[in-house]
Each structure stands twice: as C-alpha cells, then as structure tokens.
Amino acid sequence: MTSHGSTDPVVVAIDGPAGSGKSSVAKGVARVLGLVYLDSGAMYRALTWAVLDQGIDLDDLQSVSEVADRVGPTLAWSTDPDQPTTLIGDLDVSTAIRQAPVTSAVSHVAAVPRVREVLVDCQRRAVSEAQQAGQGIVVEGRDIGSIVLPNADVKIWLIADPLVRAARRAAEDVAAGRTVITDVEAVAADLARRDTADATRAVSPTTRPVDAFEVDASHLTLQEVIALVANIVSTHTSAQSTQSHVDGVSP
C-alpha cells in the first residue's frame, strides 16, 4: 500500500492511552493491510528493564540517561505482526519487559528527556528501514502522530472507557500468564496513574494529534475495531491518492 499517490509505502500512527488496545489493533491492521508493525512502547519497556536490571535508582536521571545511550544503539526488533520481538543485543527481552516491575516503572523512565531522544531516533530509523524495504508500517505508542511521525499518512487516536480498558488489560495479562494485578479496579487505578504521568510529562506528553481520526473502542470487539481502522486507512490513502492525481501533484 502506497500513500498520497506516491511510491512511498504508507505510514500509520496509532496513539492512545494505556490499555486502549493499541497493540492488538495495530497488529491486526498490519495483518489485514499487509504492513509491518512497530510497538514503540516495547522500546521504552526494554530500556526500563535494563535500568532495573542494573539496579539503577529511577530518580538518578543521569544514570538512566547513560543507560539509554548504551542500550539504545543495541536495540533490535522484529516488525512481523505475528511475531513481534524486542532484543537488547542478542538477548530477547520480549517476555521480561511485560512483567509487573517494568510496567510500574516504565512511565517514570519514559519521562526522562534523553530516553525519549534516543528512542525517537530508533523509532524513526525503524520506519525509514521499512520504507526503504518497500514496506508500509503501522506504529503504535503515545506520541507517534504528534512527535515521532508528525507527517504520518494516517493518524488514529484510539480510546476506550477506563473500566473497559482495565478489564481488557487484566484479561490479557491473565491469558499471557503474567504476574500482575488482576483486580479490575486495581488495574484501572494503575492505568489512571500511567495516563496522568504520560499526559503531564514535560517532554512529548501524550496528546491527541489534531489531525487524527478518533476511534472509541469501548463497545466494539477487537475485530470490529481492526476493520474500522483498516477501512479508515484504506479510504484515506485512496482519497489522498485520487486528490493528488486531480491536483497534478503525482503523475
């Protein structure tokens, strides 16, 4: 799938608060449209895991920044939506980064300016590599459409009712066998904490891009949300392509 009537593969940004279903939707849309997939949050989790693994105080911003400088260049990832993986060097940390200690600390680490600088570069590099390979890509996170990829072809702002988000997150964690809080109200409180931290941080706060399509997943099944977003992407890119031909922008 190309974008804007050009030969550039399409870039789709999916943002939204914690637990809104971004990962599942992004992977599903990538499968439906034949695109690759990037979970930007996994990068922040990987750095957080490294900080915790090294026993560094989360409030020691200098040391956390140094970890970002050391670990960032070693990050690797698979963009296959069926087998997304995150590696630090040769170490696969895909499972470790989903555990409760990382979940509790990731918003704190993600607020460190140097961490965001390093990982935004990684995310842009991943998109560039996909496009150079002729692949369209779906990227999901908290600041993709607003900061990381402001020129993304299609931007989606995915939301859901807080209790719905909490119930889904708890169910996902149980299904994955992760050692986490399973009480829905406790999960809701944790998501609210992360929402506040993400929305109020000084660098790249989570915010809806002004040109994003808002999708409320509260009362839709996962497959319904995937179909809706895929349709938005297909319709929008087709419309852009048609308009570009009409305007003479693209041959």
Protein backbone atom coordinates (compact mmCIF):
# COMPACT_ATOMS: atom_id res chain seq x y z
CA MET A 1 0.00 0.00 0.00
CA THR A 2 1.41 3.36 -1.02
CA SER A 3 0.47 6.78 0.27
CA HIS A 4 -0.65 10.11 -1.11
CA GLY A 5 -0.48 8.90 -4.68
CA SER A 6 3.26 8.41 -4.40
CA THR A 7 5.50 5.36 -4.36
CA ASP A 8 6.23 5.81 -0.65
CA PRO A 9 4.77 2.99 1.47
CA VAL A 10 2.05 4.13 3.85
CA VAL A 11 2.85 5.08 7.44
CA VAL A 12 0.08 4.69 10.01
CA ALA A 13 0.36 6.11 13.53
CA ILE A 14 -1.89 4.72 16.27
CA ASP A 15 -1.81 6.56 19.59
CA GLY A 16 -3.89 6.48 22.72
CA PRO A 17 -3.82 5.99 26.48
CA ALA A 18 -2.55 2.87 28.23
CA GLY A 19 -4.75 -0.18 27.79
CA SER A 20 -6.80 1.20 24.91
CA GLY A 21 -5.89 -1.80 22.75
CA LYS A 22 -3.29 -0.14 20.54
CA SER A 23 -1.02 -3.18 20.22
CA SER A 24 -3.77 -5.64 19.31
CA VAL A 25 -5.38 -3.21 16.88
CA ALA A 26 -2.10 -2.18 15.28
CA LYS A 27 -1.04 -5.80 14.73
CA GLY A 28 -4.45 -6.64 13.32
CA VAL A 29 -4.45 -3.69 10.93
CA ALA A 30 -0.94 -4.58 9.79
CA ARG A 31 -2.07 -8.14 9.02
CA VAL A 32 -5.20 -7.02 7.16
CA LEU A 33 -3.37 -4.45 5.03
CA GLY A 34 -0.14 -6.37 4.54
CA LEU A 35 2.01 -3.92 6.50
CA VAL A 36 4.72 -4.38 9.11
CA TYR A 37 4.30 -3.36 12.75
CA LEU A 38 6.30 -1.49 15.38
CA ASP A 39 5.48 -1.30 19.09
CA SER A 40 7.26 1.83 20.31
CA GLY A 41 6.25 1.07 23.88
CA ALA A 42 8.32 -2.10 23.81
CA MET A 43 11.41 0.07 23.32
CA TYR A 44 10.64 2.08 26.45
CA ARG A 45 9.97 -1.14 28.31
CA ALA A 46 13.30 -2.56 27.14
CA LEU A 47 15.20 0.44 28.44
CA THR A 48 13.24 0.29 31.69
CA TRP A 49 14.10 -3.38 32.05
CA ALA A 50 17.79 -2.53 31.54
CA VAL A 51 17.62 0.22 34.17
CA LEU A 52 16.01 -2.12 36.69
CA ASP A 53 18.35 -4.99 35.80
CA GLN A 54 21.32 -2.77 36.57
CA GLY A 55 19.84 -1.70 39.90
CA ILE A 56 19.77 1.98 39.00
CA ASP A 57 17.68 4.42 41.01
CA LEU A 58 14.84 5.64 38.80
CA ASP A 59 15.35 9.17 40.14
CA ASP A 60 19.00 9.18 39.06
CA LEU A 61 18.34 10.86 35.73
CA GLN A 62 21.99 10.98 34.75
CA SER A 63 22.44 7.23 35.19
CA VAL A 64 19.15 6.47 33.44
CA SER A 65 20.27 8.68 30.54
CA GLU A 66 23.57 6.82 30.37
CA VAL A 67 21.70 3.52 30.12
CA ALA A 68 19.71 4.97 27.23
CA ASP A 69 22.92 5.95 25.45
CA ARG A 70 24.43 2.50 25.98
CA VAL A 71 21.39 0.35 25.34
CA GLY A 72 19.59 2.37 22.68
CA PRO A 73 22.02 1.56 19.85
CA THR A 74 21.84 -2.16 20.71
CA LEU A 75 18.05 -2.40 20.49
CA ALA A 76 16.69 -4.64 17.76
CA TRP A 77 13.17 -5.66 16.88
CA SER A 78 11.04 -7.77 14.59
CA THR A 79 8.34 -5.91 12.67
CA ASP A 80 6.43 -9.09 11.85
CA PRO A 81 2.95 -8.53 13.36
CA ASP A 82 2.68 -12.27 14.04
CA GLN A 83 5.99 -12.48 15.89
CA PRO A 84 6.95 -9.08 17.29
CA THR A 85 10.09 -9.34 19.39
CA THR A 86 12.36 -6.93 21.22
CA LEU A 87 16.03 -7.60 21.78
CA ILE A 88 18.87 -5.91 23.62
CA GLY A 89 21.83 -7.06 21.62
CA ASP A 90 21.34 -10.82 21.33
CA LEU A 91 19.12 -11.03 24.42
CA ASP A 92 15.39 -11.50 23.72
CA VAL A 93 13.57 -9.49 26.40
CA SER A 94 10.09 -9.73 24.84
CA THR A 95 8.64 -11.57 27.84
CA ALA A 96 10.65 -9.89 30.58
CA ILE A 97 9.54 -6.40 29.59
CA ARG A 98 5.86 -7.29 30.19
CA GLN A 99 6.33 -8.15 33.84
CA ALA A 100 4.90 -6.04 36.67
CA PRO A 101 8.13 -4.27 37.78
CA VAL A 102 8.68 -2.91 34.28
CA THR A 103 5.03 -1.92 33.91
CA SER A 104 5.21 0.02 37.17
CA ALA A 105 8.41 1.86 36.24
CA VAL A 106 8.12 2.48 32.51
CA SER A 107 6.26 5.82 32.70
CA HIS A 108 8.96 7.14 35.04
CA VAL A 109 11.78 6.12 32.72
CA ALA A 110 9.91 7.27 29.61
CA ALA A 111 9.69 10.80 31.06
CA VAL A 112 13.48 11.20 31.03
CA PRO A 113 14.33 13.56 28.13
CA ARG A 114 17.42 11.66 26.96
CA VAL A 115 15.47 8.39 26.92
CA ARG A 116 12.90 9.93 24.60
CA GLU A 117 15.58 11.44 22.35
CA VAL A 118 17.32 8.10 21.92
CA LEU A 119 14.16 6.09 21.33
CA VAL A 120 12.51 8.59 18.98
CA ASP A 121 15.61 8.20 16.81
CA CYS A 122 15.23 4.41 16.99
CA GLN A 123 11.56 4.61 16.01
CA ARG A 124 12.23 6.90 13.06
CA ARG A 125 15.04 4.60 11.96
CA ALA A 126 12.70 1.61 12.05
CA VAL A 127 10.17 3.42 9.86
CA SER A 128 12.88 4.53 7.44
CA GLU A 129 14.21 0.98 7.16
CA ALA A 130 10.73 -0.37 6.45
CA GLN A 131 10.08 2.21 3.75
CA GLN A 132 13.45 1.59 2.15
CA ALA A 133 12.47 -2.07 2.01
CA GLY A 134 9.22 -1.07 0.27
CA GLN A 135 7.05 -1.90 3.28
CA GLY A 136 4.24 0.15 4.75
CA ILE A 137 4.23 0.25 8.54
CA VAL A 138 1.85 0.65 11.47
CA VAL A 139 3.50 2.27 14.50
CA GLU A 140 1.73 2.46 17.85
CA GLY A 141 2.52 4.36 21.00
CA ARG A 142 1.70 7.51 22.94
CA ASP A 143 3.31 10.27 20.85
CA ILE A 144 3.75 8.76 17.39
CA GLY A 145 1.43 11.07 15.45
CA SER A 146 2.27 14.16 17.48
CA ILE A 147 6.06 13.91 17.90
CA VAL A 148 7.70 10.87 16.33
CA LEU A 149 5.97 10.84 12.94
CA PRO A 150 4.07 14.13 12.56
CA ASN A 151 3.84 13.53 8.80
CA ALA A 152 2.34 10.04 9.08
CA ASP A 153 -0.17 9.39 6.32
CA VAL A 154 -2.94 8.32 8.69
CA LYS A 155 -3.19 9.05 12.42
CA ILE A 156 -5.53 7.19 14.74
CA TRP A 157 -6.37 8.23 18.30
CA LEU A 158 -7.68 5.08 19.99
CA ILE A 159 -9.64 5.48 23.20
CA ALA A 160 -11.89 3.37 25.44
CA ASP A 161 -13.77 3.75 28.70
CA PRO A 162 -11.35 3.42 31.66
CA LEU A 163 -13.09 0.40 33.18
CA VAL A 164 -13.28 -1.29 29.78
CA ARG A 165 -9.57 -0.69 29.31
CA ALA A 166 -8.85 -2.10 32.75
CA ALA A 167 -10.94 -5.23 32.19
CA ARG A 168 -9.25 -5.90 28.87
CA ARG A 169 -5.77 -5.34 30.27
CA ALA A 170 -6.43 -7.66 33.21
CA ALA A 171 -7.78 -10.35 30.87
CA GLU A 172 -4.75 -10.00 28.58
CA ASP A 173 -2.35 -10.35 31.48
CA VAL A 174 -4.13 -13.43 32.83
CA ALA A 175 -4.19 -15.02 29.36
CA ALA A 176 -0.48 -14.34 28.94
CA GLY A 177 0.34 -15.79 32.35
CA ARG A 178 1.97 -12.60 33.55
CA THR A 179 2.42 -11.99 37.28
CA VAL A 180 0.43 -8.80 37.59
CA ILE A 181 -2.55 -7.27 39.37
CA THR A 182 -5.74 -8.94 38.14
CA ASP A 183 -8.34 -7.00 40.12
CA VAL A 184 -10.06 -4.74 37.58
CA GLU A 185 -10.36 -1.75 39.91
CA ALA A 186 -6.69 -2.02 40.84
CA VAL A 187 -5.76 -2.24 37.16
CA ALA A 188 -7.95 0.82 36.46
CA ALA A 189 -6.13 2.75 39.18
CA ASP A 190 -2.76 1.77 37.71
CA LEU A 191 -3.86 2.80 34.21
CA ALA A 192 -5.10 6.14 35.58
CA ARG A 193 -1.71 6.68 37.20
CA ARG A 194 0.05 5.96 33.92
CA ASP A 195 -2.38 8.19 31.98
CA THR A 196 -1.59 11.10 34.30
CA ALA A 197 2.15 10.51 34.13
CA ASP A 198 2.10 10.25 30.33
CA ALA A 199 -0.13 13.29 29.82
CA THR A 200 1.74 15.59 32.20
CA ARG A 201 5.38 14.78 31.48
CA ALA A 202 7.44 17.73 30.28
CA VAL A 203 8.75 16.01 27.14
CA SER A 204 6.39 14.59 24.49
CA PRO A 205 3.25 14.32 26.62
CA THR A 206 0.52 12.01 25.38
CA THR A 207 -1.94 14.10 23.43
CA ARG A 208 -4.34 13.59 20.56
CA PRO A 209 -2.89 14.85 17.25
CA VAL A 210 -5.21 17.49 15.82
CA ASP A 211 -5.44 15.63 12.50
CA ALA A 212 -6.08 12.18 13.99
CA PHE A 213 -9.20 10.09 13.49
CA GLU A 214 -10.65 9.30 16.91
CA VAL A 215 -11.85 5.72 17.37
CA ASP A 216 -13.73 4.77 20.55
CA ALA A 217 -13.29 1.04 21.14
CA SER A 218 -15.41 0.89 24.31
CA HIS A 219 -18.32 -1.03 22.81
CA LEU A 220 -16.65 -2.71 19.84
CA THR A 221 -14.98 -6.08 19.56
CA LEU A 222 -11.33 -6.25 18.63
CA GLN A 223 -12.18 -7.43 15.12
CA GLU A 224 -14.64 -4.57 14.70
CA VAL A 225 -12.01 -2.02 15.72
CA ILE A 226 -9.43 -3.58 13.38
CA ALA A 227 -11.90 -3.49 10.49
CA LEU A 228 -12.84 0.11 11.25
CA VAL A 229 -9.25 1.33 11.42
CA ALA A 230 -8.23 -0.64 8.33
CA ASN A 231 -11.12 0.94 6.46
CA ILE A 232 -10.07 4.42 7.59
CA VAL A 233 -6.52 3.79 6.38
CA SER A 234 -7.64 2.37 3.03
CA THR A 235 -10.24 5.07 2.43
CA HIS A 236 -8.00 7.94 3.47
CA THR A 237 -4.99 6.83 1.45
CA SER A 238 -7.19 6.17 -1.60
CA ALA A 239 -8.74 9.62 -1.25
CA GLN A 240 -5.33 11.22 -0.94
CA SER A 241 -4.14 9.35 -4.00
CA THR A 242 -7.15 10.46 -6.03
CA GLN A 243 -6.80 14.07 -4.91
CA SER A 244 -3.10 14.06 -5.75
CA HIS A 245 -3.90 12.92 -9.29
CA VAL A 246 -6.62 15.56 -9.62
CA ASP A 247 -4.30 18.29 -8.40
CA GLY A 248 -1.49 17.11 -10.63
CA VAL A 249 0.78 16.55 -7.66
CA SER A 250 1.52 12.97 -8.62
CA PRO A 251 1.85 11.53 -12.12
